[in-house]
Amino acid sequence: AVLTGINRPGRWPELSAPRVAAALEICRDWVDDVVVDVASSLEQDEEIVSDLDGPRRNAATRAALGAADLVVAVVAADPVGVSRFLRAHAELRAAIGSTPVRVLVNKTRSGVLGIDPRTQVRRTLERYLGIDDVWFAPADHRAVDAALLRAQPVLAAAGRSQLTAAIRRFVGEAIEPPPVAARTRRAARGFDPAPVAGRR
């Protein structure tokens, strides 16, 4: 099930932090797992507005991160994407506190970073950020094009592709079983915290 966002950028003031947080709380009672796709910008804009109680451009992103049990940071596998993540990591950590982060390097290919792009990215993130657990997704243009053409998820359009296999591996290794915080909150609300076999 998909809960869509706003249909045009000009409506961003409608997504205030309290509204987003309330919507996510309802989603927690509605489904077992909630995945929120957010924008990358985390900057706060109090200094550029005169009304301190007015809407914040990145309130939706910050509210979603504040409610998250687990954050997946997606990094583009190219010099620009990696350098942006290096600069943004401190800001991300400041926004989420101790919430666990899993790093997924997307569009991995040798043409941009040389013959061994995984090792180069891994060494860079470990050297500058101390991150040693990194997962990779290939630049599988055929699978992505098929999904776009059919307006379907990659799993449905190209279930046997390299990209699908990489995402399955990432979810199995990095996301399941669910974080302890999620199980604790679910138990407090009366949900069964025990994992259900085969559920995704």
N, C-alpha and C. Protein backbone atom coordinates (compact mmCIF):
# COMPACT_ATOMS: atom_id res chain seq x y z
N ALA A 1 0.85 -1.18 0.00
CA ALA A 1 0.00 0.00 0.00
C ALA A 1 0.89 1.24 0.00
N VAL A 2 0.48 2.24 -0.74
CA VAL A 2 1.27 3.46 -0.87
C VAL A 2 0.44 4.66 -0.45
N LEU A 3 0.96 5.44 0.46
CA LEU A 3 0.36 6.71 0.84
C LEU A 3 1.18 7.80 0.17
N THR A 4 0.60 8.45 -0.82
CA THR A 4 1.36 9.41 -1.62
C THR A 4 1.54 10.72 -0.87
N GLY A 5 2.49 11.50 -1.36
CA GLY A 5 2.74 12.81 -0.77
C GLY A 5 1.99 13.89 -1.51
N ILE A 6 2.50 15.11 -1.43
CA ILE A 6 1.85 16.24 -2.10
C ILE A 6 2.03 16.11 -3.62
N ASN A 7 1.09 16.68 -4.36
CA ASN A 7 1.12 16.53 -5.81
C ASN A 7 1.85 17.66 -6.53
N ARG A 8 2.30 18.67 -5.79
CA ARG A 8 3.12 19.72 -6.40
C ARG A 8 3.96 20.38 -5.30
N PRO A 9 5.16 20.82 -5.65
CA PRO A 9 6.09 21.35 -4.65
C PRO A 9 5.55 22.53 -3.85
N GLY A 10 4.68 23.33 -4.47
CA GLY A 10 4.19 24.51 -3.80
C GLY A 10 3.33 24.24 -2.57
N ARG A 11 2.94 22.98 -2.37
CA ARG A 11 2.09 22.65 -1.23
C ARG A 11 2.89 22.22 0.00
N TRP A 12 4.22 22.38 -0.02
CA TRP A 12 5.02 21.90 1.09
C TRP A 12 4.63 22.50 2.45
N PRO A 13 4.11 23.74 2.54
CA PRO A 13 3.73 24.23 3.88
C PRO A 13 2.64 23.39 4.56
N GLU A 14 1.90 22.61 3.76
CA GLU A 14 0.87 21.78 4.37
C GLU A 14 1.46 20.63 5.17
N LEU A 15 2.70 20.26 4.89
CA LEU A 15 3.33 19.13 5.57
C LEU A 15 4.12 19.62 6.78
N SER A 16 3.41 20.08 7.77
CA SER A 16 4.07 20.52 9.00
C SER A 16 4.54 19.31 9.80
N ALA A 17 5.46 19.53 10.70
CA ALA A 17 5.99 18.43 11.50
C ALA A 17 4.91 17.72 12.32
N PRO A 18 4.01 18.43 13.00
CA PRO A 18 2.96 17.72 13.75
C PRO A 18 2.06 16.88 12.86
N ARG A 19 1.72 17.37 11.67
CA ARG A 19 0.86 16.60 10.77
C ARG A 19 1.55 15.34 10.29
N VAL A 20 2.81 15.46 9.92
CA VAL A 20 3.55 14.28 9.46
C VAL A 20 3.70 13.27 10.58
N ALA A 21 4.04 13.75 11.77
CA ALA A 21 4.20 12.84 12.91
C ALA A 21 2.89 12.12 13.23
N ALA A 22 1.77 12.84 13.17
CA ALA A 22 0.48 12.22 13.45
C ALA A 22 0.13 11.17 12.40
N ALA A 23 0.41 11.47 11.13
CA ALA A 23 0.15 10.51 10.07
C ALA A 23 0.97 9.24 10.24
N LEU A 24 2.23 9.40 10.64
CA LEU A 24 3.09 8.23 10.85
C LEU A 24 2.62 7.39 12.03
N GLU A 25 2.12 8.04 13.07
CA GLU A 25 1.60 7.28 14.20
C GLU A 25 0.41 6.43 13.79
N ILE A 26 -0.45 6.96 12.95
CA ILE A 26 -1.59 6.19 12.46
C ILE A 26 -1.10 5.03 11.59
N CYS A 27 -0.09 5.28 10.77
CA CYS A 27 0.45 4.22 9.91
C CYS A 27 1.03 3.08 10.74
N ARG A 28 1.61 3.39 11.88
CA ARG A 28 2.18 2.34 12.74
C ARG A 28 1.10 1.36 13.20
N ASP A 29 -0.10 1.85 13.43
CA ASP A 29 -1.19 0.98 13.86
C ASP A 29 -1.88 0.30 12.68
N TRP A 30 -1.58 0.77 11.49
CA TRP A 30 -2.25 0.29 10.28
C TRP A 30 -1.51 -0.88 9.64
N VAL A 31 -0.19 -0.81 9.61
CA VAL A 31 0.62 -1.85 8.98
C VAL A 31 1.79 -2.22 9.87
N ASP A 32 2.42 -3.33 9.56
CA ASP A 32 3.53 -3.81 10.37
C ASP A 32 4.82 -3.02 10.12
N ASP A 33 5.05 -2.66 8.87
CA ASP A 33 6.28 -1.95 8.51
C ASP A 33 5.94 -0.73 7.67
N VAL A 34 6.54 0.40 8.02
CA VAL A 34 6.32 1.65 7.31
C VAL A 34 7.66 2.13 6.74
N VAL A 35 7.70 2.37 5.45
CA VAL A 35 8.90 2.91 4.81
C VAL A 35 8.56 4.31 4.31
N VAL A 36 9.33 5.30 4.73
CA VAL A 36 9.09 6.68 4.35
C VAL A 36 10.26 7.17 3.50
N ASP A 37 9.96 7.60 2.29
CA ASP A 37 10.98 8.15 1.40
C ASP A 37 11.00 9.66 1.60
N VAL A 38 12.13 10.19 2.02
CA VAL A 38 12.21 11.61 2.35
C VAL A 38 13.27 12.30 1.50
N ALA A 39 13.17 13.62 1.46
CA ALA A 39 14.17 14.42 0.76
C ALA A 39 15.48 14.42 1.55
N SER A 40 16.55 14.76 0.87
CA SER A 40 17.87 14.69 1.52
C SER A 40 18.20 15.92 2.35
N SER A 41 17.56 17.04 2.10
CA SER A 41 17.93 18.26 2.79
C SER A 41 17.44 18.25 4.24
N LEU A 42 18.34 18.62 5.16
CA LEU A 42 18.00 18.63 6.59
C LEU A 42 18.18 20.01 7.22
N GLU A 43 18.59 20.98 6.45
CA GLU A 43 18.88 22.28 7.04
C GLU A 43 17.62 22.90 7.64
N GLN A 44 17.80 23.63 8.75
CA GLN A 44 16.70 24.34 9.37
C GLN A 44 16.77 25.80 8.94
N ASP A 45 15.59 26.40 8.75
CA ASP A 45 15.56 27.71 8.10
C ASP A 45 15.02 28.81 9.01
N GLU A 46 15.20 28.69 10.33
CA GLU A 46 14.70 29.73 11.21
C GLU A 46 15.29 31.10 10.91
N GLU A 47 16.53 31.12 10.47
CA GLU A 47 17.19 32.40 10.26
C GLU A 47 16.74 33.12 9.00
N ILE A 48 15.99 32.45 8.12
CA ILE A 48 15.59 33.09 6.87
C ILE A 48 14.10 33.37 6.81
N VAL A 49 13.40 33.22 7.94
CA VAL A 49 11.98 33.55 7.98
C VAL A 49 11.74 34.49 9.15
N SER A 50 10.74 35.35 9.01
CA SER A 50 10.45 36.29 10.08
C SER A 50 9.49 35.71 11.11
N ASP A 51 8.64 34.78 10.69
CA ASP A 51 7.67 34.18 11.60
C ASP A 51 8.23 32.85 12.10
N LEU A 52 8.69 32.82 13.35
CA LEU A 52 9.31 31.61 13.88
C LEU A 52 8.32 30.48 14.06
N ASP A 53 7.01 30.77 14.05
CA ASP A 53 6.01 29.73 14.16
C ASP A 53 5.48 29.30 12.79
N GLY A 54 6.07 29.82 11.75
CA GLY A 54 5.62 29.50 10.40
C GLY A 54 6.11 28.13 9.94
N PRO A 55 5.70 27.73 8.75
CA PRO A 55 6.10 26.41 8.24
C PRO A 55 7.59 26.34 7.94
N ARG A 56 8.14 25.15 8.04
CA ARG A 56 9.55 24.91 7.78
C ARG A 56 9.69 24.06 6.53
N ARG A 57 10.58 24.43 5.66
CA ARG A 57 10.74 23.77 4.38
C ARG A 57 11.02 22.27 4.54
N ASN A 58 11.84 21.90 5.49
CA ASN A 58 12.24 20.51 5.64
C ASN A 58 11.60 19.84 6.86
N ALA A 59 10.46 20.37 7.30
CA ALA A 59 9.81 19.83 8.49
C ALA A 59 9.37 18.39 8.29
N ALA A 60 8.88 18.04 7.10
CA ALA A 60 8.40 16.68 6.85
C ALA A 60 9.55 15.68 6.98
N THR A 61 10.69 16.00 6.39
CA THR A 61 11.85 15.11 6.47
C THR A 61 12.31 14.94 7.91
N ARG A 62 12.43 16.03 8.63
CA ARG A 62 12.92 15.97 10.00
C ARG A 62 11.93 15.24 10.92
N ALA A 63 10.64 15.42 10.67
CA ALA A 63 9.64 14.72 11.48
C ALA A 63 9.70 13.21 11.23
N ALA A 64 9.85 12.83 9.96
CA ALA A 64 9.95 11.40 9.64
C ALA A 64 11.20 10.79 10.25
N LEU A 65 12.32 11.50 10.18
CA LEU A 65 13.55 10.99 10.78
C LEU A 65 13.43 10.89 12.30
N GLY A 66 12.74 11.86 12.90
CA GLY A 66 12.56 11.82 14.34
C GLY A 66 11.71 10.65 14.80
N ALA A 67 10.82 10.17 13.93
CA ALA A 67 9.95 9.05 14.29
C ALA A 67 10.52 7.70 13.88
N ALA A 68 11.65 7.70 13.21
CA ALA A 68 12.17 6.46 12.63
C ALA A 68 12.82 5.57 13.67
N ASP A 69 12.64 4.27 13.50
CA ASP A 69 13.36 3.26 14.28
C ASP A 69 14.67 2.89 13.60
N LEU A 70 14.75 3.11 12.29
CA LEU A 70 15.93 2.78 11.51
C LEU A 70 15.98 3.72 10.31
N VAL A 71 17.16 4.23 10.01
CA VAL A 71 17.34 5.14 8.87
C VAL A 71 18.22 4.45 7.84
N VAL A 72 17.78 4.45 6.59
CA VAL A 72 18.57 3.95 5.48
C VAL A 72 19.10 5.16 4.71
N ALA A 73 20.40 5.34 4.74
CA ALA A 73 21.04 6.44 4.01
C ALA A 73 21.49 5.91 2.65
N VAL A 74 20.90 6.48 1.59
CA VAL A 74 21.22 6.04 0.22
C VAL A 74 22.28 6.99 -0.36
N VAL A 75 23.39 6.41 -0.77
CA VAL A 75 24.53 7.18 -1.27
C VAL A 75 24.76 6.83 -2.74
N ALA A 76 24.86 7.83 -3.59
CA ALA A 76 25.16 7.59 -5.00
C ALA A 76 26.63 7.20 -5.14
N ALA A 77 26.87 6.15 -5.91
CA ALA A 77 28.23 5.63 -6.07
C ALA A 77 29.02 6.41 -7.11
N ASP A 78 29.25 7.67 -6.83
CA ASP A 78 30.09 8.50 -7.69
C ASP A 78 30.76 9.54 -6.80
N PRO A 79 31.79 10.22 -7.27
CA PRO A 79 32.51 11.18 -6.43
C PRO A 79 31.62 12.26 -5.83
N VAL A 80 30.65 12.75 -6.60
CA VAL A 80 29.77 13.80 -6.09
C VAL A 80 28.87 13.25 -4.98
N GLY A 81 28.26 12.10 -5.22
CA GLY A 81 27.37 11.51 -4.23
C GLY A 81 28.08 11.17 -2.93
N VAL A 82 29.27 10.60 -3.03
CA VAL A 82 30.02 10.24 -1.82
C VAL A 82 30.44 11.49 -1.05
N SER A 83 30.90 12.51 -1.75
CA SER A 83 31.33 13.73 -1.06
C SER A 83 30.15 14.43 -0.39
N ARG A 84 29.00 14.41 -1.03
CA ARG A 84 27.81 15.00 -0.40
C ARG A 84 27.44 14.26 0.87
N PHE A 85 27.54 12.95 0.84
CA PHE A 85 27.21 12.17 2.04
C PHE A 85 28.22 12.43 3.16
N LEU A 86 29.48 12.58 2.81
CA LEU A 86 30.48 12.88 3.82
C LEU A 86 30.16 14.20 4.53
N ARG A 87 29.70 15.19 3.78
CA ARG A 87 29.37 16.48 4.39
C ARG A 87 28.05 16.42 5.16
N ALA A 88 27.11 15.61 4.69
CA ALA A 88 25.78 15.59 5.29
C ALA A 88 25.66 14.64 6.48
N HIS A 89 26.63 13.78 6.66
CA HIS A 89 26.50 12.75 7.70
C HIS A 89 26.38 13.35 9.09
N ALA A 90 27.17 14.36 9.39
CA ALA A 90 27.12 14.97 10.72
C ALA A 90 25.74 15.59 10.98
N GLU A 91 25.18 16.22 9.95
CA GLU A 91 23.86 16.82 10.08
C GLU A 91 22.79 15.75 10.28
N LEU A 92 22.94 14.63 9.59
CA LEU A 92 22.01 13.51 9.77
C LEU A 92 22.08 12.99 11.19
N ARG A 93 23.29 12.80 11.69
CA ARG A 93 23.46 12.28 13.05
C ARG A 93 22.87 13.25 14.08
N ALA A 94 23.04 14.53 13.85
CA ALA A 94 22.48 15.51 14.77
C ALA A 94 20.96 15.46 14.77
N ALA A 95 20.36 15.12 13.65
CA ALA A 95 18.91 15.09 13.53
C ALA A 95 18.30 13.84 14.13
N ILE A 96 19.00 12.70 14.09
CA ILE A 96 18.40 11.44 14.50
C ILE A 96 18.95 10.90 15.81
N GLY A 97 20.00 11.50 16.34
CA GLY A 97 20.55 11.03 17.60
C GLY A 97 21.14 9.64 17.48
N SER A 98 20.68 8.72 18.33
CA SER A 98 21.25 7.38 18.38
C SER A 98 20.52 6.38 17.49
N THR A 99 19.57 6.83 16.68
CA THR A 99 18.85 5.93 15.78
C THR A 99 19.84 5.23 14.85
N PRO A 100 19.75 3.91 14.72
CA PRO A 100 20.70 3.21 13.84
C PRO A 100 20.55 3.61 12.38
N VAL A 101 21.68 3.61 11.67
CA VAL A 101 21.72 3.98 10.26
C VAL A 101 22.34 2.84 9.47
N ARG A 102 21.70 2.48 8.36
CA ARG A 102 22.26 1.52 7.42
C ARG A 102 22.57 2.27 6.14
N VAL A 103 23.76 2.04 5.59
CA VAL A 103 24.21 2.77 4.40
C VAL A 103 24.11 1.87 3.18
N LEU A 104 23.33 2.32 2.20
CA LEU A 104 23.18 1.60 0.94
C LEU A 104 23.76 2.47 -0.17
N VAL A 105 24.78 1.96 -0.84
CA VAL A 105 25.42 2.67 -1.94
C VAL A 105 24.74 2.25 -3.23
N ASN A 106 24.11 3.19 -3.91
CA ASN A 106 23.27 2.90 -5.07
C ASN A 106 24.00 3.21 -6.39
N LYS A 107 23.56 2.55 -7.44
CA LYS A 107 24.10 2.76 -8.80
C LYS A 107 25.60 2.48 -8.87
N THR A 108 26.01 1.40 -8.23
CA THR A 108 27.43 1.04 -8.20
C THR A 108 27.87 0.52 -9.57
N ARG A 109 28.93 1.13 -10.10
CA ARG A 109 29.46 0.71 -11.39
C ARG A 109 30.94 1.11 -11.45
N SER A 110 31.66 0.43 -12.32
CA SER A 110 33.10 0.65 -12.39
C SER A 110 33.48 1.85 -13.23
N GLY A 111 32.61 2.31 -14.11
CA GLY A 111 32.97 3.38 -15.03
C GLY A 111 33.29 4.70 -14.37
N VAL A 112 32.73 4.93 -13.17
CA VAL A 112 32.91 6.23 -12.51
C VAL A 112 34.03 6.19 -11.48
N LEU A 113 34.14 5.08 -10.75
CA LEU A 113 35.11 5.00 -9.65
C LEU A 113 36.25 4.02 -9.91
N GLY A 114 36.36 3.52 -11.11
CA GLY A 114 37.46 2.61 -11.40
C GLY A 114 37.03 1.15 -11.37
N ILE A 115 38.01 0.25 -11.38
CA ILE A 115 37.71 -1.17 -11.52
C ILE A 115 37.18 -1.80 -10.24
N ASP A 116 37.38 -1.18 -9.10
CA ASP A 116 36.89 -1.75 -7.84
C ASP A 116 36.15 -0.68 -7.05
N PRO A 117 34.97 -0.27 -7.51
CA PRO A 117 34.27 0.83 -6.85
C PRO A 117 33.84 0.52 -5.43
N ARG A 118 33.50 -0.73 -5.14
CA ARG A 118 33.04 -1.08 -3.79
C ARG A 118 34.14 -0.85 -2.76
N THR A 119 35.33 -1.29 -3.08
CA THR A 119 36.44 -1.12 -2.14
C THR A 119 36.74 0.36 -1.93
N GLN A 120 36.71 1.14 -2.99
CA GLN A 120 37.00 2.56 -2.86
C GLN A 120 35.97 3.28 -1.99
N VAL A 121 34.69 2.99 -2.22
CA VAL A 121 33.66 3.62 -1.41
C VAL A 121 33.75 3.15 0.03
N ARG A 122 33.94 1.86 0.22
CA ARG A 122 34.02 1.32 1.59
C ARG A 122 35.18 1.95 2.36
N ARG A 123 36.34 2.05 1.74
CA ARG A 123 37.51 2.63 2.40
C ARG A 123 37.29 4.11 2.72
N THR A 124 36.64 4.82 1.80
CA THR A 124 36.38 6.25 2.02
C THR A 124 35.45 6.46 3.21
N LEU A 125 34.36 5.70 3.27
CA LEU A 125 33.40 5.86 4.37
C LEU A 125 34.01 5.42 5.70
N GLU A 126 34.85 4.39 5.67
CA GLU A 126 35.48 3.95 6.90
C GLU A 126 36.53 4.95 7.38
N ARG A 127 37.26 5.54 6.44
CA ARG A 127 38.32 6.47 6.81
C ARG A 127 37.78 7.77 7.39
N TYR A 128 36.76 8.34 6.74
CA TYR A 128 36.29 9.66 7.13
C TYR A 128 35.11 9.64 8.11
N LEU A 129 34.33 8.55 8.12
CA LEU A 129 33.15 8.51 8.97
C LEU A 129 33.16 7.33 9.95
N GLY A 130 34.10 6.44 9.81
CA GLY A 130 34.13 5.27 10.69
C GLY A 130 33.03 4.26 10.39
N ILE A 131 32.47 4.31 9.19
CA ILE A 131 31.40 3.38 8.79
C ILE A 131 32.03 2.20 8.07
N ASP A 132 31.85 1.01 8.64
CA ASP A 132 32.44 -0.17 8.00
C ASP A 132 31.39 -1.15 7.47
N ASP A 133 30.13 -0.99 7.86
CA ASP A 133 29.07 -1.83 7.32
C ASP A 133 28.37 -1.07 6.20
N VAL A 134 28.60 -1.51 4.97
CA VAL A 134 28.05 -0.84 3.79
C VAL A 134 27.49 -1.91 2.85
N TRP A 135 26.33 -1.62 2.27
CA TRP A 135 25.72 -2.50 1.29
C TRP A 135 25.69 -1.79 -0.07
N PHE A 136 25.67 -2.58 -1.14
CA PHE A 136 25.77 -2.01 -2.48
C PHE A 136 24.64 -2.52 -3.37
N ALA A 137 24.13 -1.62 -4.22
CA ALA A 137 23.15 -1.97 -5.24
C ALA A 137 23.74 -1.57 -6.59
N PRO A 138 23.66 -2.45 -7.58
CA PRO A 138 24.31 -2.15 -8.87
C PRO A 138 23.52 -1.15 -9.70
N ALA A 139 24.19 -0.59 -10.68
CA ALA A 139 23.53 0.28 -11.65
C ALA A 139 22.90 -0.61 -12.71
N ASP A 140 21.71 -1.10 -12.42
CA ASP A 140 21.02 -2.05 -13.29
C ASP A 140 19.98 -1.29 -14.12
N HIS A 141 20.44 -0.68 -15.19
CA HIS A 141 19.58 0.19 -15.99
C HIS A 141 18.44 -0.58 -16.66
N ARG A 142 18.69 -1.81 -17.06
CA ARG A 142 17.65 -2.58 -17.72
C ARG A 142 16.48 -2.84 -16.77
N ALA A 143 16.77 -3.21 -15.53
CA ALA A 143 15.71 -3.47 -14.57
C ALA A 143 14.94 -2.19 -14.23
N VAL A 144 15.66 -1.10 -14.06
CA VAL A 144 15.01 0.16 -13.73
C VAL A 144 14.14 0.64 -14.89
N ASP A 145 14.63 0.52 -16.11
CA ASP A 145 13.85 0.93 -17.27
C ASP A 145 12.59 0.09 -17.40
N ALA A 146 12.69 -1.20 -17.14
CA ALA A 146 11.52 -2.07 -17.22
C ALA A 146 10.47 -1.68 -16.19
N ALA A 147 10.93 -1.33 -14.99
CA ALA A 147 10.01 -0.92 -13.93
C ALA A 147 9.33 0.40 -14.28
N LEU A 148 10.09 1.34 -14.83
CA LEU A 148 9.51 2.62 -15.22
C LEU A 148 8.50 2.45 -16.36
N LEU A 149 8.84 1.61 -17.33
CA LEU A 149 7.97 1.40 -18.47
C LEU A 149 6.63 0.81 -18.04
N ARG A 150 6.66 -0.10 -17.07
CA ARG A 150 5.44 -0.77 -16.61
C ARG A 150 4.79 -0.07 -15.42
N ALA A 151 5.44 0.96 -14.90
CA ALA A 151 4.94 1.65 -13.70
C ALA A 151 4.74 0.67 -12.56
N GLN A 152 5.76 -0.17 -12.34
CA GLN A 152 5.72 -1.18 -11.29
C GLN A 152 7.01 -1.12 -10.49
N PRO A 153 7.00 -1.68 -9.27
CA PRO A 153 8.26 -1.82 -8.54
C PRO A 153 9.23 -2.73 -9.30
N VAL A 154 10.50 -2.57 -9.05
CA VAL A 154 11.50 -3.38 -9.73
C VAL A 154 11.27 -4.87 -9.46
N LEU A 155 10.83 -5.19 -8.25
CA LEU A 155 10.57 -6.59 -7.91
C LEU A 155 9.54 -7.21 -8.84
N ALA A 156 8.48 -6.45 -9.19
CA ALA A 156 7.44 -6.97 -10.06
C ALA A 156 7.85 -6.96 -11.53
N ALA A 157 8.61 -5.96 -11.93
CA ALA A 157 8.98 -5.83 -13.34
C ALA A 157 10.20 -6.64 -13.71
N ALA A 158 11.12 -6.82 -12.76
CA ALA A 158 12.37 -7.54 -13.05
C ALA A 158 12.78 -8.31 -11.80
N GLY A 159 12.00 -9.32 -11.48
CA GLY A 159 12.19 -10.06 -10.23
C GLY A 159 13.51 -10.81 -10.14
N ARG A 160 14.12 -11.12 -11.28
CA ARG A 160 15.37 -11.89 -11.26
C ARG A 160 16.58 -11.02 -11.58
N SER A 161 16.42 -9.73 -11.54
CA SER A 161 17.52 -8.83 -11.89
C SER A 161 18.55 -8.75 -10.77
N GLN A 162 19.73 -8.23 -11.12
CA GLN A 162 20.79 -8.03 -10.12
C GLN A 162 20.36 -7.02 -9.07
N LEU A 163 19.62 -6.00 -9.49
CA LEU A 163 19.17 -4.98 -8.54
C LEU A 163 18.21 -5.58 -7.52
N THR A 164 17.26 -6.39 -7.98
CA THR A 164 16.33 -7.03 -7.06
C THR A 164 17.07 -7.91 -6.07
N ALA A 165 18.04 -8.68 -6.56
CA ALA A 165 18.81 -9.54 -5.66
C ALA A 165 19.57 -8.73 -4.63
N ALA A 166 20.13 -7.60 -5.04
CA ALA A 166 20.88 -6.76 -4.11
C ALA A 166 19.97 -6.17 -3.04
N ILE A 167 18.76 -5.73 -3.42
CA ILE A 167 17.83 -5.17 -2.45
C ILE A 167 17.34 -6.25 -1.49
N ARG A 168 17.08 -7.44 -2.00
CA ARG A 168 16.69 -8.56 -1.12
C ARG A 168 17.79 -8.82 -0.08
N ARG A 169 19.01 -8.85 -0.54
CA ARG A 169 20.13 -9.10 0.36
C ARG A 169 20.25 -7.99 1.41
N PHE A 170 20.10 -6.76 0.96
CA PHE A 170 20.17 -5.62 1.89
C PHE A 170 19.10 -5.71 2.96
N VAL A 171 17.86 -5.97 2.55
CA VAL A 171 16.76 -6.07 3.52
C VAL A 171 17.00 -7.22 4.48
N GLY A 172 17.42 -8.36 3.96
CA GLY A 172 17.64 -9.52 4.82
C GLY A 172 18.76 -9.34 5.81
N GLU A 173 19.81 -8.64 5.41
CA GLU A 173 20.98 -8.48 6.27
C GLU A 173 20.92 -7.23 7.14
N ALA A 174 20.37 -6.14 6.60
CA ALA A 174 20.47 -4.85 7.29
C ALA A 174 19.21 -4.44 8.03
N ILE A 175 18.05 -4.96 7.61
CA ILE A 175 16.80 -4.46 8.17
C ILE A 175 16.07 -5.52 9.00
N GLU A 176 16.12 -6.77 8.63
CA GLU A 176 15.45 -7.79 9.40
C GLU A 176 16.48 -8.59 10.19
N PRO A 177 16.16 -8.95 11.44
CA PRO A 177 14.91 -8.67 12.14
C PRO A 177 14.78 -7.18 12.47
N PRO A 178 13.55 -6.70 12.74
CA PRO A 178 13.35 -5.27 12.98
C PRO A 178 14.13 -4.80 14.20
N PRO A 179 14.45 -3.50 14.25
CA PRO A 179 15.20 -2.96 15.38
C PRO A 179 14.50 -3.18 16.71
N VAL A 180 15.27 -3.22 17.78
CA VAL A 180 14.72 -3.46 19.11
C VAL A 180 13.70 -2.40 19.49
N ALA A 181 13.95 -1.15 19.10
CA ALA A 181 13.03 -0.06 19.45
C ALA A 181 11.64 -0.31 18.90
N ALA A 182 11.57 -0.83 17.67
CA ALA A 182 10.27 -1.10 17.06
C ALA A 182 9.55 -2.20 17.80
N ARG A 183 10.28 -3.26 18.18
CA ARG A 183 9.65 -4.36 18.90
C ARG A 183 9.17 -3.91 20.27
N THR A 184 9.97 -3.06 20.93
CA THR A 184 9.60 -2.58 22.25
C THR A 184 8.34 -1.73 22.20
N ARG A 185 8.28 -0.81 21.21
CA ARG A 185 7.10 0.04 21.09
C ARG A 185 5.87 -0.78 20.75
N ARG A 186 6.03 -1.78 19.86
CA ARG A 186 4.90 -2.60 19.46
C ARG A 186 4.38 -3.42 20.63
N ALA A 187 5.29 -3.92 21.47
CA ALA A 187 4.86 -4.67 22.64
C ALA A 187 4.10 -3.79 23.61
N ALA A 188 4.56 -2.53 23.76
CA ALA A 188 3.89 -1.61 24.66
C ALA A 188 2.48 -1.27 24.19
N ARG A 189 2.27 -1.35 22.87
CA ARG A 189 0.94 -1.04 22.32
C ARG A 189 0.04 -2.27 22.25
N GLY A 190 0.55 -3.42 22.70
CA GLY A 190 -0.28 -4.61 22.68
C GLY A 190 -0.07 -5.49 21.47
N PHE A 191 0.89 -5.15 20.61
CA PHE A 191 1.18 -6.00 19.47
C PHE A 191 2.07 -7.15 19.92
N ASP A 192 2.02 -8.25 19.17
CA ASP A 192 2.90 -9.37 19.45
C ASP A 192 4.30 -9.04 18.93
N PRO A 193 5.31 -8.93 19.81
CA PRO A 193 6.64 -8.54 19.36
C PRO A 193 7.40 -9.66 18.68
N ALA A 194 6.87 -10.88 18.74
CA ALA A 194 7.59 -11.99 18.14
C ALA A 194 7.55 -11.90 16.62
N PRO A 195 8.65 -12.21 15.93
CA PRO A 195 8.63 -12.13 14.47
C PRO A 195 7.70 -13.16 13.88
N VAL A 196 7.08 -12.81 12.75
CA VAL A 196 6.20 -13.71 12.05
C VAL A 196 6.94 -14.26 10.85
N ALA A 197 7.03 -15.57 10.76
CA ALA A 197 7.80 -16.19 9.69
C ALA A 197 7.22 -15.83 8.34
N GLY A 198 8.10 -15.42 7.44
CA GLY A 198 7.70 -15.15 6.07
C GLY A 198 7.08 -13.80 5.85
N ARG A 199 6.91 -12.99 6.90
CA ARG A 199 6.27 -11.69 6.70
C ARG A 199 7.31 -10.67 6.29
N ARG A 200 6.94 -9.82 5.36
CA ARG A 200 7.83 -8.75 4.92
C ARG A 200 7.09 -7.44 5.01
